[in-house]
Structures are given as structure tokens and as C-alpha cells.
Amino acid sequence: MKAVRQRERKPSCGALARRLRQRLRANRLVPPAAPGRSRVLIVSQATVDGVAVCVRELVRAAVSAGYRVTVACPSTGDLSGWARQRGAAWERLEMRRSPHPGDLLGRLAVTSLGWRRPPVVFTPHGWSWLVGGRLAPAYRMIERIMLPLATAVIAVSDEERLDGRAVLGPRADGITVIPNGVDPRRFCPRGPVAERPDEPLVVFVGRLCHAKAPDVAVRALALMRTQSAWLRLVGDGEDRPGLENLVSSLGLGGRVEFRGFRPDPAPDLRAADVVVIPSRYDGMALVLLEAMACGAAIVATRVSGSSALAGAGQLVPAEDPESLALAADALLADPRRRRLLGAAAREKAAGHYSLQRSLQEILRLWQSLGARPATGLPDREFRPEHISTEKKAS
């Protein structure tokens, strides 16, 4: 019985593809030829944190526009509940968050429908090969093969498109850039502020994993001249035990706070003297836009999407704790510069990276591919609700 349950939780990639293909056919997810509401299937590996938030907002906008939406994703995390709360159907589809052959399920399953297949829009949110290691060459090859199977590909930043072009060649010329967006009313300088110490506070918000590099933030703290500074880690993830060991080995136990997952990071972003975003790789970090909209003084690494901060924050090389430490120290020593950079960041986020603009561009792309909403594109500002759900155990 135990073995049976285990197989149910972790079916093979082939079984998952067959299941998704059966659901596509059973649910008639191909857009109908006659006028009416098109059906949209969104397949997502991620069920927590930034990508899941992007999917949540897209689901809400699509339902509001009159699409019939189904979300296929793992049962762990927040996304399945968020989707149903916003009027979408949910189909359980267990996948691994880390790079795995199951990453290809959505595109493979839809392609297997043959002439009946609907248009396919693929958004990588960070190319698979960026994880590095022994899997990187295989993922480059797989993405080259899979790219033509998508009707359209969305990159969330200009750098992500350029990364794709460098690896995928001329066939990537048709990639559409639609940057991530942030609601400047929810994420703004005014609002609740999280409790904080009297000492200078550096804040990291994100999943505690290799890609987001919280370990680099911890090592930077150990190198900072501002010995009184605290580091607050807001988030959870698979790397937390290793981070706790790193904090202990560096003698930083009294200066690092593990705050866990927060459904609304805005109060912690407002509480920060400096926000650090030390990602090793990304597509466009949603927390970067959230921190900018909150008017934070930010130090981020030069990865895809971080050019949004140019002229409104400090950019440093990835995997470089010393540079991160120097930049954070400089900002902590200069309150006036922090205020000026925070104001510039807020202006850029509100003026160029609005959630409404991002969602409307995606829905227009869907329409150009033949997916008909019942009510037309909403022209009002999208209003994200305050999310009060707790993160489920994964």
C-alpha cells in the first residue's frame, strides 16, 4: 500500500503527460470556433512565491475578462487555492520545482493533440539552463527542440530575451517581451511597517533557495563594516537548514532573523533601511518591483530583469558577497542617498512596470492568437486583494 501511495504522488513523466492530455481532451480546452468564451489552461510548476503570484494575478485578470480558466499545478503551496478563489478550475498535476524532465509536460501534452491542439504560450520566468551544473547542456538542447512547439514565447525582461537569443539562435527572434508588473497602490511607501530593531536593518525577501542566493546575503553581512546591522530573511525554502548552519558558523546568530513566509512582504520592505536582492539568476524578480514600488533603497545583482533598477539603486555582480557588502555599507552611511534612490525607484516602478499594463499586454497576445474573452479586456485598474493565506507545507 505504501508503494502504491508513493506512485500516486510521484507518477512518471509519461503518465503525467498522458493525464494532462486526457484532461485537455475531456475539458475541451481548445478555443471554440464559434463566438463565446475561450477556455484557457495555465500549467505552472511554481505554487508559491513570485511566479505563483504572477499566475494568480493573470488568472484573476483572465476570469475578469470572461475566459474560462483551468490551472494545472501541484497540490502543495498556495496556487491551487488562489486559483479557485478567483473563479478558475483547478487540476492536480504534480511536478517538481527544481529542473526536471517534467518541466516539459505542458508543451509536450498539448503538442500530442495533433491538429486539435490550441495555441501554446510559454513563459520561462528564468531559462532552465541557468540552473547550471551538469544539466545545463541538456536543457539548452531540450529548449532548442521545444521552442518551435510554442505558438508564442513571453520573456519577462529584455535580458531574458537576449539570454534566449544567445542560446536558441535566430528562432528566438520572435520572443515577445512583456515585463512583470506590480500594483503601485498595494506596494507603496505609505502603509503598515513591520516591527524592526533600532539597529540598521537589511532585508532579503524571497524563497530560500540557490537561485535567490540568500547565502550570499549572509556572507555579505559577515563582511560589512556596519557591525551593528541586522539581516532579516523573509521567506522559506529548501535551503533554510543550510543557511541556519552558515549563520552559526559565521558567528552571526544574534544579527540574522529568519522570519519565514509572509503573505504580504510590503511591511518588511517598508521597514528596511536597505533591501538586498542577490539572485544568482532570474527572469525579472517580482520582489525587485515590489521593493521599488515601496520606495526602498535597493542593492541587486546584475541578472536578467535587474536593469529595471538602473539609475534608481545599486547594481553589483552576482556571487560577490564583498561587493554586496560594500554597496550596503555605502547606503547605510548615506540616508539622503537612500531617500533619493527610493524616490527614483518608486517613480520607475509606478511609471513603467504597472501590473495593469503587464496583464493587458498578455491578454492582448491571447486575443491575437484567437482566444476570445466574453467581456473584452478590462480597462479598469486591477485590484489585488490582500492575501491572508498561510503557506502550506511542501
Protein backbone atom coordinates (compact mmCIF):
# COMPACT_ATOMS: atom_id res chain seq x y z
CA MET A 1 0.00 0.00 0.00
CA LYS A 2 2.83 2.38 0.82
CA ALA A 3 4.37 1.80 -2.60
CA VAL A 4 1.05 2.46 -4.29
CA ARG A 5 0.65 5.75 -2.47
CA GLN A 6 4.16 6.75 -3.41
CA ARG A 7 3.47 6.04 -7.09
CA GLU A 8 0.36 8.17 -6.88
CA ARG A 9 2.33 11.10 -5.52
CA LYS A 10 5.22 10.78 -7.98
CA PRO A 11 3.95 9.33 -11.27
CA SER A 12 6.30 9.08 -14.22
CA CYS A 13 6.66 11.94 -16.67
CA GLY A 14 4.93 9.84 -19.33
CA ALA A 15 1.98 9.17 -17.04
CA LEU A 16 1.71 12.87 -16.22
CA ALA A 17 1.76 13.80 -19.89
CA ARG A 18 -0.98 11.24 -20.63
CA ARG A 19 -3.08 12.54 -17.74
CA LEU A 20 -2.76 16.14 -18.89
CA ARG A 21 -3.55 15.15 -22.48
CA GLN A 22 -6.68 13.31 -21.32
CA ARG A 23 -7.81 16.34 -19.33
CA LEU A 24 -7.19 18.65 -22.24
CA ARG A 25 -9.43 16.48 -24.42
CA ALA A 26 -12.06 15.84 -21.75
CA ASN A 27 -12.36 19.51 -20.83
CA ARG A 28 -12.42 20.66 -24.48
CA LEU A 29 -9.74 23.24 -23.78
CA VAL A 30 -9.29 24.04 -27.45
CA PRO A 31 -10.76 27.52 -28.09
CA PRO A 32 -14.15 27.11 -29.76
CA ALA A 33 -14.64 28.23 -33.34
CA ALA A 34 -17.95 29.90 -32.55
CA PRO A 35 -18.06 33.19 -30.68
CA GLY A 36 -18.08 32.76 -26.92
CA ARG A 37 -15.77 32.29 -24.01
CA SER A 38 -12.46 30.68 -24.87
CA ARG A 39 -11.09 28.13 -22.46
CA VAL A 40 -7.56 28.69 -21.19
CA LEU A 41 -5.31 26.15 -19.48
CA ILE A 42 -2.43 27.50 -17.40
CA VAL A 43 0.21 24.95 -16.37
CA SER A 44 2.55 26.05 -13.57
CA GLN A 45 5.34 24.26 -11.73
CA ALA A 46 5.60 27.01 -9.14
CA THR A 47 2.90 27.21 -6.48
CA VAL A 48 4.47 29.72 -4.07
CA ASP A 49 6.40 32.99 -4.23
CA GLY A 50 6.93 35.23 -7.27
CA VAL A 51 5.95 33.06 -10.23
CA ALA A 52 2.84 31.83 -8.42
CA VAL A 53 1.87 35.44 -7.65
CA CYS A 54 2.23 36.28 -11.36
CA VAL A 55 -0.01 33.33 -12.25
CA ARG A 56 -2.52 34.34 -9.57
CA GLU A 57 -2.87 37.84 -11.00
CA LEU A 58 -3.10 36.51 -14.57
CA VAL A 59 -5.88 34.12 -13.54
CA ARG A 60 -7.84 36.93 -11.93
CA ALA A 61 -7.48 39.18 -14.98
CA ALA A 62 -8.43 36.37 -17.38
CA VAL A 63 -11.52 35.40 -15.38
CA SER A 64 -12.49 39.07 -15.18
CA ALA A 65 -12.18 39.33 -18.97
CA GLY A 66 -14.54 36.39 -19.43
CA TYR A 67 -12.19 33.49 -20.12
CA ARG A 68 -12.89 30.04 -18.68
CA VAL A 69 -9.64 29.26 -16.89
CA THR A 70 -8.22 25.98 -15.61
CA VAL A 71 -4.96 25.93 -13.63
CA ALA A 72 -2.96 22.69 -13.61
CA CYS A 73 -0.29 22.68 -10.90
CA PRO A 74 0.94 20.68 -7.90
CA SER A 75 -1.29 20.42 -4.85
CA THR A 76 1.29 21.88 -2.48
CA GLY A 77 1.67 25.61 -1.92
CA ASP A 78 -0.78 28.44 -2.44
CA LEU A 79 -1.63 28.49 -6.13
CA SER A 80 -4.40 25.87 -6.23
CA GLY A 81 -6.36 27.74 -3.56
CA TRP A 82 -5.68 31.12 -5.09
CA ALA A 83 -6.92 29.90 -8.50
CA ARG A 84 -10.19 28.56 -7.12
CA GLN A 85 -10.77 31.69 -5.04
CA ARG A 86 -10.55 33.72 -8.24
CA GLY A 87 -13.06 31.68 -10.20
CA ALA A 88 -10.78 29.23 -12.04
CA ALA A 89 -10.98 25.44 -12.07
CA TRP A 90 -8.00 23.51 -10.71
CA GLU A 91 -6.47 20.25 -11.91
CA ARG A 92 -3.88 18.48 -9.81
CA LEU A 93 -0.65 17.93 -11.75
CA GLU A 94 2.33 17.03 -9.57
CA MET A 95 5.65 18.40 -10.81
CA ARG A 96 8.98 19.20 -9.23
CA ARG A 97 10.04 22.84 -8.77
CA SER A 98 13.70 22.13 -9.49
CA PRO A 99 14.73 21.41 -13.12
CA HIS A 100 13.41 18.00 -14.17
CA PRO A 101 12.09 16.35 -17.35
CA GLY A 102 8.60 17.04 -16.00
CA ASP A 103 9.23 20.72 -16.85
CA LEU A 104 8.20 19.90 -20.41
CA LEU A 105 4.83 18.35 -19.57
CA GLY A 106 2.60 21.24 -20.57
CA ARG A 107 4.14 21.73 -24.01
CA LEU A 108 4.51 18.01 -24.73
CA ALA A 109 0.96 17.15 -23.71
CA VAL A 110 -0.62 19.91 -25.79
CA THR A 111 1.56 19.07 -28.78
CA SER A 112 0.38 15.46 -28.62
CA LEU A 113 -3.14 16.64 -29.51
CA GLY A 114 -2.02 16.98 -33.11
CA TRP A 115 -4.25 19.08 -35.36
CA ARG A 116 -6.62 19.72 -32.45
CA ARG A 117 -4.02 21.47 -30.35
CA PRO A 118 -4.75 25.03 -29.20
CA PRO A 119 -2.23 27.87 -29.32
CA VAL A 120 0.55 27.45 -26.74
CA VAL A 121 2.14 30.42 -24.91
CA PHE A 122 5.32 29.63 -22.96
CA THR A 123 6.77 31.95 -20.29
CA PRO A 124 10.05 30.62 -18.80
CA HIS A 125 10.42 33.10 -15.88
CA GLY A 126 14.14 32.25 -15.99
CA TRP A 127 15.53 29.83 -18.59
CA SER A 128 16.00 26.23 -17.45
CA TRP A 129 19.70 26.11 -18.33
CA LEU A 130 20.56 28.93 -15.93
CA VAL A 131 20.46 26.46 -13.05
CA GLY A 132 23.93 25.40 -14.25
CA GLY A 133 25.71 22.18 -13.38
CA ARG A 134 25.63 19.00 -15.40
CA LEU A 135 22.03 19.55 -16.52
CA ALA A 136 22.68 22.88 -18.25
CA PRO A 137 23.88 21.47 -21.64
CA ALA A 138 20.92 19.06 -21.75
CA TYR A 139 18.48 21.86 -21.03
CA ARG A 140 19.96 24.04 -23.76
CA MET A 141 19.41 21.23 -26.24
CA ILE A 142 15.89 20.48 -24.96
CA GLU A 143 14.81 24.13 -25.16
CA ARG A 144 16.13 24.36 -28.74
CA ILE A 145 13.96 21.38 -29.65
CA MET A 146 10.91 22.55 -27.71
CA LEU A 147 10.88 26.22 -28.74
CA PRO A 148 9.08 25.67 -32.08
CA LEU A 149 6.30 23.78 -30.27
CA ALA A 150 5.14 27.03 -28.64
CA THR A 151 2.96 29.39 -30.65
CA ALA A 152 4.37 32.33 -28.69
CA VAL A 153 7.06 32.80 -26.05
CA ILE A 154 6.97 35.60 -23.48
CA ALA A 155 10.16 36.85 -21.84
CA VAL A 156 9.63 38.93 -18.72
CA SER A 157 12.63 41.18 -19.40
CA ASP A 158 14.81 42.32 -22.28
CA GLU A 159 17.77 40.47 -20.75
CA GLU A 160 15.79 37.24 -20.62
CA ARG A 161 15.06 37.59 -24.32
CA LEU A 162 18.75 38.22 -25.04
CA ASP A 163 19.72 35.17 -22.95
CA GLY A 164 17.29 33.13 -25.00
CA ARG A 165 18.63 34.55 -28.27
CA ALA A 166 22.21 33.69 -27.29
CA VAL A 167 21.35 30.03 -26.71
CA LEU A 168 18.41 29.39 -29.02
CA GLY A 169 19.65 31.31 -32.03
CA PRO A 170 17.55 33.05 -34.70
CA ARG A 171 14.44 31.01 -33.85
CA ALA A 172 14.23 33.10 -30.66
CA ASP A 173 13.79 36.34 -32.63
CA GLY A 174 10.03 36.12 -32.23
CA ILE A 175 10.09 36.15 -28.44
CA THR A 176 7.76 38.83 -27.06
CA VAL A 177 8.94 40.88 -24.07
CA ILE A 178 6.22 41.62 -21.51
CA PRO A 179 7.82 42.71 -18.21
CA ASN A 180 6.38 41.63 -14.89
CA GLY A 181 4.25 44.23 -13.17
CA VAL A 182 3.45 45.48 -9.68
CA ASP A 183 0.39 47.18 -8.21
CA PRO A 184 1.71 50.59 -7.07
CA ARG A 185 -1.23 51.07 -4.71
CA ARG A 186 -0.68 47.90 -2.74
CA PHE A 187 3.10 48.30 -2.80
CA CYS A 188 3.73 51.91 -1.83
CA PRO A 189 5.85 53.84 0.68
CA ARG A 190 2.87 54.50 2.95
CA GLY A 191 1.26 51.65 4.83
CA PRO A 192 1.90 49.22 7.69
CA VAL A 193 5.54 48.86 8.71
CA ALA A 194 6.86 45.66 10.24
CA GLU A 195 8.45 45.71 13.67
CA ARG A 196 12.18 46.30 13.45
CA PRO A 197 15.23 46.73 15.67
CA ASP A 198 16.79 50.10 16.39
CA GLU A 199 19.95 48.99 14.59
CA PRO A 200 20.34 49.31 10.78
CA LEU A 201 18.18 46.71 9.05
CA VAL A 202 18.96 44.93 5.78
CA VAL A 203 16.05 42.90 4.37
CA PHE A 204 16.00 39.97 1.96
CA VAL A 205 12.62 38.76 0.63
CA GLY A 206 12.34 35.57 -1.40
CA ARG A 207 12.49 31.82 -1.49
CA LEU A 208 15.41 30.39 0.47
CA CYS A 209 16.97 28.54 -2.45
CA HIS A 210 20.09 28.51 -4.60
CA ALA A 211 18.69 30.79 -7.31
CA LYS A 212 17.76 33.60 -4.91
CA ALA A 213 21.17 33.38 -3.13
CA PRO A 214 20.27 34.19 0.50
CA ASP A 215 23.62 32.62 1.41
CA VAL A 216 25.34 35.47 -0.44
CA ALA A 217 23.37 37.95 1.69
CA VAL A 218 24.50 36.16 4.87
CA ARG A 219 28.15 36.14 3.77
CA ALA A 220 27.88 39.83 2.86
CA LEU A 221 26.62 40.62 6.36
CA ALA A 222 29.74 39.00 7.81
CA LEU A 223 31.89 41.31 5.65
CA MET A 224 30.06 44.57 6.34
CA ARG A 225 31.78 47.40 8.18
CA THR A 226 28.45 48.27 9.81
CA GLN A 227 28.85 45.73 12.60
CA SER A 228 25.55 46.71 14.19
CA ALA A 229 23.49 45.87 11.07
CA TRP A 230 20.88 43.11 11.15
CA LEU A 231 19.80 40.90 8.26
CA ARG A 232 16.16 39.84 8.06
CA LEU A 233 15.37 36.88 5.80
CA VAL A 234 11.69 36.91 4.82
CA GLY A 235 10.77 33.65 3.12
CA ASP A 236 11.13 29.92 3.40
CA GLY A 237 12.54 27.14 1.29
CA GLU A 238 14.72 24.10 0.99
CA ASP A 239 17.96 25.92 1.85
CA ARG A 240 16.87 27.11 5.30
CA PRO A 241 18.71 24.38 7.31
CA GLY A 242 21.94 25.09 5.45
CA LEU A 243 21.51 28.82 5.99
CA GLU A 244 20.99 28.34 9.70
CA ASN A 245 24.24 26.36 9.82
CA LEU A 246 26.03 29.07 7.83
CA VAL A 247 24.79 31.80 10.19
CA SER A 248 26.07 29.80 13.16
CA SER A 249 29.45 29.05 11.58
CA LEU A 250 29.99 32.76 10.80
CA GLY A 251 29.04 33.82 14.33
CA LEU A 252 26.07 35.86 13.14
CA GLY A 253 23.39 34.23 15.29
CA GLY A 254 22.49 37.46 17.05
CA ARG A 255 22.25 39.51 13.83
CA VAL A 256 20.17 37.35 11.46
CA GLU A 257 16.40 36.93 11.70
CA PHE A 258 14.54 34.09 9.97
CA ARG A 259 11.02 35.47 9.63
CA GLY A 260 9.57 32.73 7.44
CA PHE A 261 6.98 33.14 4.72
CA ARG A 262 4.93 36.35 4.79
CA PRO A 263 1.83 36.53 2.56
CA ASP A 264 2.33 40.30 2.31
CA PRO A 265 6.01 41.36 2.17
CA ALA A 266 5.27 45.09 1.89
CA PRO A 267 5.54 45.86 5.65
CA ASP A 268 9.02 44.29 5.80
CA LEU A 269 10.11 46.14 2.65
CA ARG A 270 8.98 49.42 4.23
CA ALA A 271 10.84 48.59 7.45
CA ALA A 272 14.16 48.07 5.65
CA ASP A 273 16.99 50.59 5.58
CA VAL A 274 18.35 48.61 2.62
CA VAL A 275 16.76 45.80 0.60
CA VAL A 276 19.17 43.28 -0.95
CA ILE A 277 18.26 41.11 -3.94
CA PRO A 278 21.35 38.92 -4.51
CA SER A 279 19.91 36.48 -7.10
CA ARG A 280 22.27 34.19 -9.00
CA TYR A 281 19.88 34.20 -11.98
CA ASP A 282 16.32 35.27 -12.70
CA GLY A 283 13.90 36.40 -15.40
CA MET A 284 12.67 39.50 -13.62
CA ALA A 285 12.37 39.24 -9.84
CA LEU A 286 8.93 40.29 -8.69
CA VAL A 287 10.35 41.35 -5.32
CA LEU A 288 12.57 43.85 -7.16
CA LEU A 289 9.49 45.63 -8.50
CA GLU A 290 7.71 45.36 -5.13
CA ALA A 291 10.68 46.91 -3.31
CA MET A 292 10.95 49.66 -5.92
CA ALA A 293 7.25 50.47 -5.60
CA CYS A 294 7.67 50.68 -1.81
CA GLY A 295 10.40 53.29 -2.29
CA ALA A 296 13.17 51.12 -0.83
CA ALA A 297 16.90 51.70 -1.20
CA ILE A 298 17.96 48.57 -3.10
CA VAL A 299 21.15 46.66 -3.85
CA ALA A 300 20.59 43.99 -6.51
CA THR A 301 22.79 41.75 -8.62
CA ARG A 302 23.22 42.17 -12.37
CA VAL A 303 20.96 39.40 -13.63
CA SER A 304 18.06 39.35 -16.07
CA GLY A 305 15.47 41.95 -15.15
CA SER A 306 17.60 43.96 -12.76
CA SER A 307 18.17 46.69 -15.36
CA ALA A 308 14.76 47.98 -14.21
CA LEU A 309 16.68 49.38 -11.23
CA ALA A 310 19.26 51.26 -13.31
CA GLY A 311 19.64 54.81 -12.01
CA ALA A 312 17.40 54.08 -9.03
CA GLY A 313 19.50 51.68 -6.99
CA GLN A 314 22.84 49.94 -6.76
CA LEU A 315 23.75 47.01 -9.03
CA VAL A 316 26.60 44.64 -8.16
CA PRO A 317 27.98 41.42 -9.67
CA ALA A 318 26.29 38.13 -8.81
CA GLU A 319 28.05 35.69 -6.47
CA ASP A 320 30.07 38.54 -4.94
CA PRO A 321 29.42 38.99 -1.20
CA GLU A 322 32.16 41.61 -0.88
CA SER A 323 30.59 43.91 -3.49
CA LEU A 324 27.18 43.42 -1.91
CA ALA A 325 28.61 44.32 1.50
CA LEU A 326 30.35 47.44 0.20
CA ALA A 327 27.20 48.69 -1.53
CA ALA A 328 25.00 48.05 1.51
CA ASP A 329 27.51 49.79 3.80
CA ALA A 330 27.61 52.82 1.50
CA LEU A 331 23.83 53.16 1.52
CA LEU A 332 23.56 52.69 5.29
CA ALA A 333 26.08 55.51 5.73
CA ASP A 334 24.14 57.91 3.48
CA PRO A 335 20.47 58.44 4.48
CA ARG A 336 19.99 61.19 1.89
CA ARG A 337 21.10 58.95 -0.96
CA ARG A 338 18.78 56.22 0.29
CA ARG A 339 15.84 58.63 0.14
CA LEU A 340 16.74 59.85 -3.35
CA LEU A 341 17.20 56.34 -4.73
CA GLY A 342 13.99 55.18 -3.07
CA ALA A 343 12.01 58.02 -4.63
CA ALA A 344 13.51 57.29 -8.06
CA ALA A 345 12.76 53.59 -7.71
CA ARG A 346 9.15 54.32 -6.77
CA GLU A 347 8.74 56.59 -9.80
CA LYS A 348 10.14 53.96 -12.19
CA ALA A 349 8.00 51.15 -10.78
CA ALA A 350 4.79 53.16 -10.90
CA GLY A 351 5.50 54.66 -14.32
CA HIS A 352 6.94 51.73 -16.26
CA TYR A 353 6.08 48.45 -14.53
CA SER A 354 2.41 48.59 -13.62
CA LEU A 355 0.55 45.34 -13.11
CA GLN A 356 -2.35 46.58 -15.22
CA ARG A 357 -0.15 47.18 -18.26
CA SER A 358 1.54 43.78 -17.94
CA LEU A 359 -1.72 41.85 -17.69
CA GLN A 360 -3.39 43.71 -20.52
CA GLU A 361 -0.46 43.01 -22.85
CA ILE A 362 -0.70 39.29 -22.08
CA LEU A 363 -4.45 39.22 -22.71
CA ARG A 364 -3.98 41.11 -25.97
CA LEU A 365 -1.46 38.48 -27.04
CA TRP A 366 -4.02 35.78 -26.27
CA GLN A 367 -6.58 37.61 -28.37
CA SER A 368 -4.14 37.87 -31.26
CA LEU A 369 -3.87 34.07 -31.15
CA GLY A 370 -7.63 33.66 -31.39
CA ALA A 371 -8.65 33.31 -27.75
CA ARG A 372 -11.86 35.30 -27.34
CA PRO A 373 -12.85 36.77 -23.98
CA ALA A 374 -16.56 37.05 -23.29
CA THR A 375 -16.46 40.60 -21.96
CA GLY A 376 -13.46 42.20 -23.64
CA LEU A 377 -10.28 43.35 -21.97
CA PRO A 378 -10.92 45.09 -18.64
CA ASP A 379 -9.89 48.74 -18.86
CA ARG A 380 -10.13 49.39 -15.14
CA GLU A 381 -7.19 49.09 -12.79
CA PHE A 382 -6.79 45.58 -11.45
CA ARG A 383 -7.15 45.47 -7.68
CA PRO A 384 -5.27 42.63 -5.97
CA GLU A 385 -6.92 41.59 -2.74
CA HIS A 386 -4.96 41.36 0.48
CA ILE A 387 -3.79 37.76 0.67
CA SER A 388 -4.08 36.22 4.12
CA THR A 389 -3.46 32.55 3.34
CA GLU A 390 -0.60 30.72 5.06
CA LYS A 391 1.97 28.79 3.11
CA LYS A 392 1.22 25.07 3.08
CA ALA A 393 3.87 22.52 3.88
CA SER A 394 5.62 21.34 0.75
